[in-house]
Amino acid sequence: MRRAVLWDSSAILALLDADDADHARAVAVAKRIAAERRPSFITNYLEAEAHALLLRKLGRAVAREWLLRGGLPVVRVLPAEEQRGREILARFDDKDWSLCPLVIHSRPP
């Protein structure tokens, strides 16, 4: 079984922004993921985060086009996963973690 790829908002920005310092690397990784036929997804948290980032960095047209036609399946965060993510944040007050990746890592295997 191929491991699925969780796309982060910064990777989406790098893929879409030719002026991004990581653009070439993002394109190469995206091609490799496609060649390996690995499933890709984002969470509803990351979808909102990526849309806001694209809006700020690339403008309304690109952000809107990506949101409406982006093509990545969206996995909805469950309330229990959200709560687990909050519990992780509460335990590690020395970390600058975002809730976005923590909720997906809170999903049972």
Protein backbone atom coordinates (compact mmCIF):
# COMPACT_ATOMS: atom_id res chain seq x y z
CA MET A 1 0.00 0.00 0.00
CA ARG A 2 1.30 3.44 -0.94
CA ARG A 3 1.50 5.97 1.87
CA ALA A 4 -0.72 9.00 1.36
CA VAL A 5 0.76 12.48 1.21
CA LEU A 6 -0.59 15.27 3.39
CA TRP A 7 0.06 18.54 1.59
CA ASP A 8 1.01 21.52 3.73
CA SER A 9 -0.02 25.07 2.81
CA SER A 10 3.60 26.14 2.30
CA ALA A 11 4.14 23.27 -0.17
CA ILE A 12 1.03 24.30 -2.10
CA LEU A 13 2.29 27.89 -2.24
CA ALA A 14 5.74 26.76 -3.42
CA LEU A 15 4.17 24.60 -6.12
CA LEU A 16 2.02 27.44 -7.47
CA ASP A 17 4.44 30.36 -7.09
CA ALA A 18 7.24 30.27 -9.67
CA ASP A 19 9.07 32.96 -7.68
CA ASP A 20 9.08 30.92 -4.46
CA ALA A 21 12.55 29.80 -3.36
CA ASP A 22 11.28 26.20 -3.10
CA HIS A 23 9.30 26.15 -6.36
CA ALA A 24 11.64 23.84 -8.32
CA ARG A 25 11.85 21.41 -5.42
CA ALA A 26 8.05 21.46 -4.95
CA VAL A 27 7.52 20.72 -8.64
CA ALA A 28 10.02 17.84 -8.52
CA VAL A 29 8.36 16.36 -5.42
CA ALA A 30 4.87 16.72 -6.94
CA LYS A 31 6.05 14.92 -10.09
CA ARG A 32 7.57 12.12 -8.02
CA ILE A 33 4.36 11.74 -5.98
CA ALA A 34 2.33 11.57 -9.20
CA ALA A 35 4.75 9.07 -10.79
CA GLU A 36 4.51 6.87 -7.69
CA ARG A 37 0.70 7.21 -7.83
CA ARG A 38 0.61 8.11 -4.17
CA PRO A 39 -2.71 9.51 -2.97
CA SER A 40 -2.60 13.12 -1.79
CA PHE A 41 -4.93 15.02 0.50
CA ILE A 42 -5.38 18.04 2.73
CA THR A 43 -7.54 18.58 5.79
CA ASN A 44 -10.28 21.17 5.97
CA TYR A 45 -7.98 23.10 8.34
CA LEU A 46 -5.18 23.11 5.77
CA GLU A 47 -7.58 24.03 2.99
CA ALA A 48 -8.57 27.21 4.84
CA GLU A 49 -4.95 27.93 5.79
CA ALA A 50 -3.71 27.43 2.21
CA HIS A 51 -6.48 29.58 0.76
CA ALA A 52 -5.58 32.45 3.12
CA LEU A 53 -1.87 32.08 2.29
CA LEU A 54 -2.50 32.02 -1.47
CA LEU A 55 -4.83 35.02 -1.16
CA ARG A 56 -2.15 36.99 0.66
CA LYS A 57 0.80 35.91 -1.51
CA LEU A 58 -0.63 35.33 -4.99
CA GLY A 59 -3.88 37.27 -5.03
CA ARG A 60 -7.59 36.69 -5.21
CA ALA A 61 -7.74 35.04 -8.64
CA VAL A 62 -5.16 32.34 -7.90
CA ALA A 63 -6.56 31.68 -4.42
CA ARG A 64 -10.11 31.39 -5.73
CA GLU A 65 -9.11 29.13 -8.63
CA TRP A 66 -7.16 26.84 -6.31
CA LEU A 67 -9.98 26.65 -3.77
CA LEU A 68 -12.67 25.90 -6.34
CA ARG A 69 -10.62 23.65 -8.63
CA GLY A 70 -7.60 22.57 -6.57
CA GLY A 71 -8.22 18.90 -7.02
CA LEU A 72 -6.90 17.66 -3.67
CA PRO A 73 -9.33 15.57 -1.64
CA VAL A 74 -10.26 17.19 1.67
CA VAL A 75 -10.33 15.03 4.79
CA ARG A 76 -12.60 16.51 7.45
CA VAL A 77 -11.13 16.80 10.91
CA LEU A 78 -13.28 15.00 13.46
CA PRO A 79 -14.13 16.65 16.79
CA ALA A 80 -12.16 14.00 18.70
CA GLU A 81 -9.09 14.69 16.54
CA GLU A 82 -9.43 18.41 17.15
CA GLN A 83 -9.66 17.81 20.89
CA ARG A 84 -6.62 15.51 20.80
CA GLY A 85 -4.66 18.19 18.91
CA ARG A 86 -5.58 20.74 21.56
CA GLU A 87 -4.44 18.34 24.28
CA ILE A 88 -1.07 17.93 22.55
CA LEU A 89 -0.68 21.71 22.33
CA ALA A 90 -1.54 22.05 26.01
CA ARG A 91 1.12 19.51 27.01
CA PHE A 92 3.95 21.10 25.02
CA ASP A 93 3.95 24.79 25.90
CA ASP A 94 7.58 25.14 24.74
CA LYS A 95 6.64 24.37 21.09
CA ASP A 96 5.37 26.72 18.38
CA TRP A 97 3.18 24.07 16.78
CA SER A 98 0.12 24.87 14.73
CA LEU A 99 -3.08 22.97 15.36
CA CYS A 100 -3.35 22.10 11.64
CA PRO A 101 -0.86 19.21 11.48
CA LEU A 102 -1.60 18.01 15.00
CA VAL A 103 -5.20 17.16 14.22
CA ILE A 104 -4.28 14.81 11.38
CA HIS A 105 -1.62 13.13 13.52
CA SER A 106 -4.32 12.59 16.13
CA ARG A 107 -6.19 10.27 13.76
CA PRO A 108 -6.00 6.61 14.76
CA PRO A 109 -4.00 4.44 12.32
